[in-house]
Amino acid sequence: MMNRSLNLMMAASVAGLLGFYLLFATVPLYAATGGAGELGAGAATGVMMLATVLAELAVPWLLARLGYRAVLGLGLALLGLPALLLPLSAALPLVLAASLLRGAGLGVLVVAGTALTAQLVPADRRGEGMGLYGMAVGVPSILGLPLGVWAGGAIGFVPVFVVAGLIPLAGLGAVLGLPRIVPRPSGPGERGAGLRGLAAPALIFAGVTTATGVVVTFLPLAASPGLASLALLVQSLTTPVARWLAGRSGDRHGSARLVVPGLLAAVTGMALQIWVGSPVAVVAGMAVFGAGFGVLQNATLALMLERGEAARVSTLWNLAYDAGMGVGAMGFGLVLGHTGYPLGFALVAALMAVTLPLARVRSEVRPACAPLPR
């Protein structure tokens, strides 16, 4: 399964995402210290994620015209080159422009990378292949987020920007080694059937990513910073392992049967955050939530790939990921003043539980893609 093309694609994706996560929390801090304040810091992240979602919508069109190799190269260039401009000034217009371009690069890279992985692995081992891809692309967030913030304070912003710009550009070497692959276009009937089959898994996944946006943004505020850091680290380590194990199980027994257990685990983990003053409840809850999140990452994506063309599926799945996290962070902030943290976390768990009736889906084992050159 781990053929040369898959190894090169994973190397390119890891390079791009490491460059992204090194600056994910560093650029807002740079904007704030440059005189833009908290409003400017929030605007940098908001503009970046908006560009990510909008770019994701355009990726199927780009893939059909340019192919995977060119589109992956575009994503890496958009992640790398704007970062090299940031040392010129901390003025908000430049920071926002760089954030806009880097957000677009992220959207292009994650959609194209997910879709190409689905096409490069054998159909009967697709779940495991997607799980391995998930583990690989999970490493940059674990390393890059804390390292970028620490390095910005220890050695200054400029070296971090240079390194974060050069790493994605180095990934272009891996992209050049990929074969020229253009997605197989789907017919009108296949598109309609695919959209109907994709709705339920996408909504389930969006509910869980909404909760992810809540805990990543607000758990450090609800609990002590040290406790929140430990809990989020446990979650970030649990999720990719659960995603890989879910892929192996899904290939053997079907991904549909994993959706309900994964969703129940995520709901349980979120519900435990009601006792936000208890270290045991918070850490254990995030471990259980991380396991459920990882299972659903793989199971929902595998089910969607059984029903639709890879580029379209990857776009919808990544939209559910990014939009769900954004909605969770913004929506929870709006209701927090009326609910407080314990009740707010309970409402988020209830929101996920509402999607349980959608989890009664069946696997449709059929290749969604034509055979491709290795």
Protein backbone atom coordinates (compact mmCIF):
# COMPACT_ATOMS: atom_id res chain seq x y z
CA MET A 1 0.00 0.00 0.00
CA MET A 2 2.80 2.45 0.85
CA ASN A 3 3.91 2.93 -2.75
CA ARG A 4 6.26 5.66 -3.92
CA SER A 5 3.47 8.03 -4.95
CA LEU A 6 1.73 7.76 -1.58
CA ASN A 7 4.98 8.39 0.30
CA LEU A 8 5.70 11.47 -1.81
CA MET A 9 2.18 12.82 -1.36
CA MET A 10 2.34 12.36 2.42
CA ALA A 11 5.74 14.07 2.55
CA ALA A 12 4.36 17.04 0.62
CA SER A 13 1.27 17.27 2.86
CA VAL A 14 3.32 17.06 6.07
CA ALA A 15 5.68 19.79 4.81
CA GLY A 16 2.81 22.11 3.96
CA LEU A 17 0.95 21.53 7.21
CA LEU A 18 4.07 21.93 9.34
CA GLY A 19 4.63 25.33 7.77
CA PHE A 20 0.99 26.18 8.44
CA TYR A 21 0.89 25.11 12.08
CA LEU A 22 4.17 26.81 12.94
CA LEU A 23 2.42 30.11 12.25
CA PHE A 24 -1.16 29.24 13.26
CA ALA A 25 -0.84 30.86 16.69
CA THR A 26 2.30 32.89 15.93
CA VAL A 27 0.84 35.22 13.29
CA PRO A 28 -2.00 36.48 15.54
CA LEU A 29 0.56 37.17 18.25
CA TYR A 30 2.74 38.99 15.70
CA ALA A 31 -0.22 41.13 14.63
CA ALA A 32 -1.14 41.94 18.23
CA THR A 33 2.39 42.94 19.22
CA GLY A 34 2.69 44.98 16.02
CA GLY A 35 -0.04 47.34 17.18
CA ALA A 36 -3.19 45.67 15.83
CA GLY A 37 -4.23 44.44 19.28
CA GLU A 38 -6.66 41.61 19.99
CA LEU A 39 -8.96 42.70 17.17
CA GLY A 40 -6.16 42.38 14.65
CA ALA A 41 -5.13 39.01 16.06
CA GLY A 42 -8.66 37.70 15.68
CA ALA A 43 -8.96 39.16 12.21
CA ALA A 44 -5.80 37.36 11.06
CA THR A 45 -7.22 33.98 12.07
CA GLY A 46 -10.71 34.79 10.80
CA VAL A 47 -9.51 35.90 7.38
CA MET A 48 -7.31 32.82 7.07
CA MET A 49 -10.09 30.35 7.88
CA LEU A 50 -12.56 32.14 5.62
CA ALA A 51 -10.08 31.85 2.75
CA THR A 52 -9.61 28.16 3.60
CA VAL A 53 -13.32 27.41 3.26
CA LEU A 54 -13.69 29.41 0.04
CA ALA A 55 -10.62 27.77 -1.53
CA GLU A 56 -11.90 24.30 -0.66
CA LEU A 57 -14.98 24.94 -2.79
CA ALA A 58 -12.79 25.65 -5.82
CA VAL A 59 -10.52 22.60 -5.56
CA PRO A 60 -12.66 20.11 -7.56
CA TRP A 61 -12.75 22.61 -10.45
CA LEU A 62 -8.97 23.10 -10.23
CA LEU A 63 -8.28 19.37 -10.07
CA ALA A 64 -10.39 18.65 -13.13
CA ARG A 65 -8.39 21.20 -15.14
CA LEU A 66 -4.88 21.00 -13.71
CA GLY A 67 -4.56 17.59 -12.06
CA TYR A 68 -3.33 16.69 -8.59
CA ARG A 69 0.35 17.49 -9.05
CA ALA A 70 -0.20 21.11 -10.12
CA VAL A 71 -2.87 21.74 -7.49
CA LEU A 72 -0.75 20.34 -4.65
CA GLY A 73 2.12 22.52 -5.85
CA LEU A 74 -0.18 25.55 -5.82
CA GLY A 75 -1.22 24.81 -2.23
CA LEU A 76 2.39 24.52 -1.07
CA ALA A 77 3.39 27.74 -2.83
CA LEU A 78 0.50 29.64 -1.24
CA LEU A 79 1.51 28.36 2.18
CA GLY A 80 5.21 29.12 1.77
CA LEU A 81 5.69 32.33 -0.20
CA PRO A 82 3.40 34.65 1.86
CA ALA A 83 5.17 33.57 5.05
CA LEU A 84 8.43 34.90 3.63
CA LEU A 85 6.81 38.34 3.23
CA LEU A 86 5.76 38.64 6.88
CA PRO A 87 9.20 39.82 8.15
CA LEU A 88 8.77 42.97 6.04
CA SER A 89 6.18 44.47 8.37
CA ALA A 90 3.78 43.71 11.22
CA ALA A 91 1.28 46.18 9.76
CA LEU A 92 -2.20 44.68 9.72
CA PRO A 93 -2.83 44.97 5.94
CA LEU A 94 0.24 42.88 5.14
CA VAL A 95 -0.56 40.35 7.87
CA LEU A 96 -4.13 39.98 6.62
CA ALA A 97 -3.01 39.61 2.99
CA ALA A 98 -0.51 36.90 3.96
CA SER A 99 -3.12 35.17 6.11
CA LEU A 100 -5.61 35.24 3.23
CA LEU A 101 -3.16 33.57 0.84
CA ARG A 102 -2.00 31.02 3.40
CA GLY A 103 -5.59 30.12 4.23
CA ALA A 104 -6.26 29.50 0.56
CA GLY A 105 -3.14 27.33 0.40
CA LEU A 106 -4.37 25.28 3.34
CA GLY A 107 -7.76 24.71 1.71
CA VAL A 108 -6.16 23.61 -1.55
CA LEU A 109 -3.65 21.30 0.13
CA VAL A 110 -6.00 19.44 2.47
CA VAL A 111 -8.68 18.78 -0.14
CA ALA A 112 -6.25 17.67 -2.83
CA GLY A 113 -4.20 15.59 -0.38
CA THR A 114 -7.22 13.75 1.03
CA ALA A 115 -8.64 13.07 -2.43
CA LEU A 116 -5.34 11.86 -3.86
CA THR A 117 -4.78 9.52 -0.91
CA ALA A 118 -8.17 7.95 -1.58
CA GLN A 119 -7.14 7.31 -5.18
CA LEU A 120 -3.63 6.00 -4.49
CA VAL A 121 -4.52 3.30 -1.94
CA PRO A 122 -6.22 0.01 -2.92
CA ALA A 123 -10.00 0.13 -2.59
CA ASP A 124 -10.06 -2.79 -0.13
CA ARG A 125 -7.57 -1.03 2.16
CA ARG A 126 -8.82 2.51 1.77
CA GLY A 127 -9.83 2.89 5.42
CA GLU A 128 -6.39 1.93 6.66
CA GLY A 129 -4.74 4.12 4.03
CA MET A 130 -6.81 7.13 5.08
CA GLY A 131 -5.97 6.34 8.69
CA LEU A 132 -2.24 6.35 7.96
CA TYR A 133 -2.64 9.64 6.11
CA GLY A 134 -4.52 11.02 9.12
CA MET A 135 -1.72 10.00 11.48
CA ALA A 136 0.89 11.58 9.21
CA VAL A 137 -0.90 14.92 8.87
CA GLY A 138 -1.67 14.96 12.59
CA VAL A 139 2.02 15.22 13.49
CA PRO A 140 2.49 18.83 12.23
CA SER A 141 -0.19 20.17 14.57
CA ILE A 142 1.29 18.36 17.58
CA LEU A 143 4.78 19.71 16.85
CA GLY A 144 4.10 22.97 15.06
CA LEU A 145 1.62 24.71 17.35
CA PRO A 146 3.69 24.76 20.56
CA LEU A 147 7.01 25.04 18.72
CA GLY A 148 5.94 28.10 16.72
CA VAL A 149 4.76 30.01 19.80
CA TRP A 150 7.86 29.06 21.81
CA ALA A 151 10.29 29.94 19.01
CA GLY A 152 8.58 33.28 18.36
CA GLY A 153 9.28 34.31 21.94
CA ALA A 154 12.70 32.69 22.26
CA ILE A 155 14.42 33.64 18.98
CA GLY A 156 12.04 36.18 17.44
CA PHE A 157 9.35 36.13 14.78
CA VAL A 158 11.56 36.55 11.70
CA PRO A 159 13.41 33.19 11.91
CA VAL A 160 10.10 31.42 12.50
CA PHE A 161 8.55 33.06 9.43
CA VAL A 162 11.52 32.11 7.26
CA VAL A 163 11.53 28.48 8.39
CA ALA A 164 7.74 28.22 8.09
CA GLY A 165 7.96 29.59 4.56
CA LEU A 166 10.80 27.37 3.37
CA ILE A 167 9.40 24.06 4.66
CA PRO A 168 6.30 24.06 2.38
CA LEU A 169 8.46 25.16 -0.57
CA ALA A 170 10.77 22.20 0.12
CA GLY A 171 7.70 20.00 -0.25
CA LEU A 172 7.52 21.00 -3.92
CA GLY A 173 10.33 18.53 -4.57
CA ALA A 174 8.08 15.68 -3.46
CA VAL A 175 5.22 16.95 -5.64
CA LEU A 176 7.43 16.89 -8.74
CA GLY A 177 7.89 13.15 -8.27
CA LEU A 178 4.15 12.43 -8.38
CA PRO A 179 2.54 10.99 -11.53
CA ARG A 180 0.23 13.21 -13.57
CA ILE A 181 -3.26 12.28 -12.35
CA VAL A 182 -6.53 14.01 -13.24
CA PRO A 183 -9.73 12.98 -11.42
CA ARG A 184 -12.25 10.96 -13.35
CA PRO A 185 -15.26 13.22 -14.00
CA SER A 186 -18.57 12.01 -12.64
CA GLY A 187 -21.81 11.97 -14.58
CA PRO A 188 -24.98 13.90 -13.63
CA GLY A 189 -26.67 10.82 -12.16
CA GLU A 190 -23.62 9.92 -10.09
CA ARG A 191 -23.34 13.48 -8.80
CA GLY A 192 -26.95 13.52 -7.61
CA ALA A 193 -26.73 10.11 -5.95
CA GLY A 194 -23.42 11.07 -4.38
CA LEU A 195 -24.76 14.24 -2.81
CA ARG A 196 -27.71 12.37 -1.29
CA GLY A 197 -25.42 9.72 0.18
CA LEU A 198 -22.91 12.24 1.53
CA ALA A 199 -25.29 14.37 3.59
CA ALA A 200 -25.69 12.20 6.70
CA PRO A 201 -21.99 11.40 7.32
CA ALA A 202 -21.07 15.04 6.63
CA LEU A 203 -23.61 16.35 9.15
CA ILE A 204 -22.46 13.88 11.81
CA PHE A 205 -18.87 14.91 11.28
CA ALA A 206 -19.75 18.62 11.29
CA GLY A 207 -21.42 18.18 14.69
CA VAL A 208 -18.26 16.70 16.17
CA THR A 209 -15.94 19.28 14.60
CA THR A 210 -18.19 21.97 16.10
CA ALA A 211 -17.41 20.49 19.52
CA THR A 212 -13.71 20.41 18.61
CA GLY A 213 -13.77 24.12 17.87
CA VAL A 214 -15.35 24.70 21.27
CA VAL A 215 -12.83 22.73 23.34
CA VAL A 216 -9.75 24.00 21.47
CA THR A 217 -10.86 27.61 21.90
CA PHE A 218 -12.49 27.64 25.33
CA LEU A 219 -11.10 24.80 27.42
CA PRO A 220 -7.96 26.86 28.24
CA LEU A 221 -10.29 29.58 29.52
CA ALA A 222 -12.64 27.27 31.41
CA ALA A 223 -9.94 25.20 33.13
CA SER A 224 -6.47 26.15 34.30
CA PRO A 225 -3.96 26.63 31.45
CA GLY A 226 -1.84 23.69 32.64
CA LEU A 227 -4.81 21.34 32.88
CA ALA A 228 -6.15 22.44 29.50
CA SER A 229 -2.74 21.93 27.87
CA LEU A 230 -2.51 18.40 29.23
CA ALA A 231 -6.08 17.56 28.20
CA LEU A 232 -5.65 18.91 24.68
CA LEU A 233 -2.34 17.07 24.31
CA VAL A 234 -4.05 13.82 25.31
CA GLN A 235 -6.80 14.50 22.78
CA SER A 236 -4.34 15.33 20.00
CA LEU A 237 -2.44 12.07 20.63
CA THR A 238 -5.54 9.90 20.94
CA THR A 239 -7.27 11.11 17.79
CA PRO A 240 -4.80 9.96 15.08
CA VAL A 241 -4.31 6.54 16.71
CA ALA A 242 -8.08 6.01 16.88
CA ARG A 243 -8.38 7.16 13.27
CA TRP A 244 -5.87 4.55 12.09
CA LEU A 245 -7.43 1.74 14.14
CA ALA A 246 -10.86 2.68 12.82
CA GLY A 247 -9.53 2.42 9.28
CA ARG A 248 -8.20 -1.09 9.84
CA SER A 249 -11.47 -2.19 11.42
CA GLY A 250 -13.57 -0.51 8.75
CA ASP A 251 -11.73 -2.31 5.94
CA ARG A 252 -12.49 -5.67 7.56
CA HIS A 253 -15.98 -5.19 8.96
CA GLY A 254 -17.39 -2.04 7.33
CA SER A 255 -17.14 1.57 8.43
CA ALA A 256 -20.87 2.04 9.02
CA ARG A 257 -20.83 0.05 12.26
CA LEU A 258 -18.20 2.42 13.72
CA VAL A 259 -20.27 5.59 13.43
CA VAL A 260 -22.53 5.06 16.46
CA PRO A 261 -19.73 4.00 18.87
CA GLY A 262 -17.57 6.88 17.68
CA LEU A 263 -20.36 9.38 18.13
CA LEU A 264 -21.28 8.04 21.58
CA ALA A 265 -17.63 8.31 22.66
CA ALA A 266 -17.44 11.91 21.46
CA VAL A 267 -20.68 12.83 23.23
CA THR A 268 -19.51 11.16 26.47
CA GLY A 269 -16.14 12.91 26.38
CA MET A 270 -17.78 16.27 25.80
CA ALA A 271 -20.31 15.67 28.58
CA LEU A 272 -17.49 15.01 31.05
CA GLN A 273 -16.31 18.59 30.52
CA ILE A 274 -19.32 19.66 32.59
CA TRP A 275 -17.08 18.91 35.60
CA VAL A 276 -14.48 21.35 34.33
CA GLY A 277 -13.05 21.79 37.83
CA SER A 278 -12.08 18.12 38.06
CA PRO A 279 -8.70 17.26 36.46
CA VAL A 280 -9.68 13.59 36.17
CA ALA A 281 -12.95 14.38 34.39
CA VAL A 282 -11.34 16.89 32.03
CA VAL A 283 -8.38 14.72 30.97
CA ALA A 284 -10.38 11.48 30.78
CA GLY A 285 -13.12 13.26 28.90
CA MET A 286 -10.72 14.62 26.31
CA ALA A 287 -9.17 11.17 25.88
CA VAL A 288 -12.60 9.66 25.20
CA PHE A 289 -13.59 12.58 23.00
CA GLY A 290 -10.34 12.29 21.04
CA ALA A 291 -10.96 8.59 20.46
CA GLY A 292 -14.49 9.25 19.21
CA PHE A 293 -13.29 12.11 17.03
CA GLY A 294 -10.61 9.92 15.44
CA VAL A 295 -13.06 7.09 14.77
CA LEU A 296 -15.52 9.48 13.13
CA GLN A 297 -12.81 11.14 11.06
CA ASN A 298 -12.12 7.83 9.38
CA ALA A 299 -15.59 6.28 9.39
CA THR A 300 -17.42 9.29 7.93
CA LEU A 301 -14.77 9.83 5.27
CA ALA A 302 -14.76 6.13 4.30
CA LEU A 303 -18.56 6.08 4.01
CA MET A 304 -18.53 9.22 1.89
CA LEU A 305 -15.86 7.79 -0.41
CA GLU A 306 -18.08 4.75 -0.98
CA ARG A 307 -20.77 7.08 -2.28
CA GLY A 308 -19.03 9.76 -4.30
CA GLU A 309 -16.09 10.90 -6.38
CA ALA A 310 -12.94 11.53 -4.33
CA ALA A 311 -12.44 15.25 -5.06
CA ARG A 312 -16.08 16.08 -4.29
CA VAL A 313 -16.04 13.98 -1.11
CA SER A 314 -12.79 15.53 0.08
CA THR A 315 -14.18 19.02 -0.46
CA LEU A 316 -17.37 18.37 1.52
CA TRP A 317 -15.56 16.52 4.32
CA ASN A 318 -12.95 19.24 4.75
CA LEU A 319 -15.65 21.92 4.63
CA ALA A 320 -17.43 20.12 7.46
CA TYR A 321 -14.13 20.07 9.36
CA ASP A 322 -13.17 23.72 8.99
CA ALA A 323 -16.64 25.29 9.00
CA GLY A 324 -17.67 23.18 12.00
CA MET A 325 -14.66 24.31 14.03
CA GLY A 326 -15.30 27.95 13.12
CA VAL A 327 -19.00 27.77 13.93
CA GLY A 328 -18.26 26.04 17.22
CA ALA A 329 -15.78 28.68 18.36
CA MET A 330 -17.97 31.62 17.31
CA GLY A 331 -21.32 30.15 18.40
CA PHE A 332 -20.13 29.08 21.83
CA GLY A 333 -18.70 32.53 22.41
CA LEU A 334 -22.11 34.04 21.71
CA VAL A 335 -24.02 31.82 24.16
CA LEU A 336 -21.35 31.56 26.86
CA GLY A 337 -22.47 34.72 28.63
CA HIS A 338 -25.94 33.22 29.10
CA THR A 339 -24.99 29.64 30.00
CA GLY A 340 -21.57 29.54 31.66
CA TYR A 341 -19.09 26.77 30.88
CA PRO A 342 -20.75 23.67 32.45
CA LEU A 343 -24.15 24.22 30.85
CA GLY A 344 -22.51 25.34 27.62
CA PHE A 345 -20.49 22.12 27.37
CA ALA A 346 -23.67 20.13 28.11
CA LEU A 347 -25.45 21.87 25.23
CA VAL A 348 -22.58 21.04 22.87
CA ALA A 349 -22.80 17.36 23.88
CA ALA A 350 -26.55 17.48 23.26
CA LEU A 351 -25.98 19.02 19.83
CA MET A 352 -23.80 16.07 18.86
CA ALA A 353 -26.31 13.59 20.27
CA VAL A 354 -29.01 15.05 18.00
CA THR A 355 -27.18 13.59 15.00
CA LEU A 356 -27.47 10.00 16.31
CA PRO A 357 -30.50 9.18 14.12
CA LEU A 358 -28.36 10.01 11.08
CA ALA A 359 -25.83 7.36 12.10
CA ARG A 360 -27.98 4.49 10.81
CA VAL A 361 -26.21 4.27 7.47
CA ARG A 362 -25.09 1.26 5.44
CA SER A 363 -21.81 0.64 3.73
CA GLU A 364 -21.91 0.58 -0.04
CA VAL A 365 -18.66 -1.09 -0.98
CA ARG A 366 -17.88 0.01 -4.50
CA PRO A 367 -14.84 1.78 -5.98
CA ALA A 368 -15.50 5.50 -6.34
CA CYS A 369 -12.48 6.02 -8.59
CA ALA A 370 -10.99 4.51 -11.71
CA PRO A 371 -7.67 2.62 -11.42
CA LEU A 372 -4.72 4.94 -11.50
CA PRO A 373 -1.08 4.61 -12.54
CA ARG A 374 1.40 3.84 -9.77
